[in-house]
Amino acid sequence: MDPIILIVIVGAIAVILLAVGIASSMGARGQVQERLDRYIEPERPTAELKPAKRASPIGDALNRAISGRGFADGIAAQLARADIKLTVGEYLAALVIAIFGFGIVAYIISQGSIIFAAVGVVGGFFAPRIYIGIMQGRRLQMFNDQVGDTINLLVNGLRSGYSVLQAMEAVARELPQPVAGEFDRVVKEVQLGLTLEQALQNMLRRVKSEDLDLVVTAINVQREVGGNLAEILEVISHTIRERVRIKGEIRVLTAQGMITGYVITGLPLALMAFLYLVNRDYVSRLWKGGICGWAMLIAGAIMIVSGFLIIQKIVQIEV
């Protein structure tokens, strides 16, 4: 049997086993509250807390192997910001599945090309990271769009006689996700023994929002020096609403430029893949023709990436 075919078969079996292990560990998935039982040491940051126990041997073994390592804390923080209900071990298992899966699919589609299989492996390595980044961006955008309504509800609650914690409970009841989930977690953390300052700092670590940072700073300052928190939050609310409105107008005006960047970047790659599948000998001369072909490939990749980064820099306008 061809060694390459044997490697593909073994890789496929490994991917299936990992997928079954992760699926069995995710059968009984709870809400965000399942993580709150980890707050047995309030002085530790959220990213350093141990992951919740799972019923999966694969996930538990991976979690034990990477426990206490710096990169695991970073991955846990990224998963929390994207609100993805996976432990670090499950994420690493999914990463291995993506690497093998993309590589095997690329190998099969290209009819045995090692180069395409290598490209698939690289794509499988970055695909979960890209997905997490996209989910973080969407969640942060949704959160920022709801901050204005959140502040208004906090102001109304404070003026009606609620305490800060009671006003946050009202936010958790009345507003949609993701704001409701984050403030509900703050309330439950305080009920479990954390101070309000620590719970708010934990929320800031999960949600990297400048608008939320303004609100948390105002609450902390008011608790230390006093003052009318309702009036302060009302001024902040007006500022945030205007910023959200301006950002929305900017997104509309720059949408065409962003889509153009994606199309211009993806078109050469898609065209090259299509030509390779249709006429493999014609395209393979680029890497079989010696240094000249490789120089053209490297130069083309550099120009594509540079053009994409330049377009993204142009359409990203800070407010």
Foldseek 3Di string as FASTA:
>chain_A
DDPVVVVLVVLVVLLVVLVVLLCVQCVDDDAPVQQLVQCPDLVDAPLLTQDDDTPGPQLVVQSVVCRPPDVQSVVSLLCLLLVPPDHSSNVVSQLSSLLSVQLSVQCVLLVHDNVSSVVRNVCSNCVVVVVSVVSNVVQLLVVLVCVLVLLVQQLVCVVVPHDNLVSLCVCLPPPDPDSNVLSVQLSVNVVVPHDSLSSLVSSCSSHVDPLSVLLSVLVVVCVVPNDDSSVVSVVSSVVSVVVSVVVVVLCVVCVVLLVVLVCLLCVVVVVLVVCCSVPVVVSCCLVVVPPNSVVVVVVVVVVSVVSSVVSVVVSDDDD
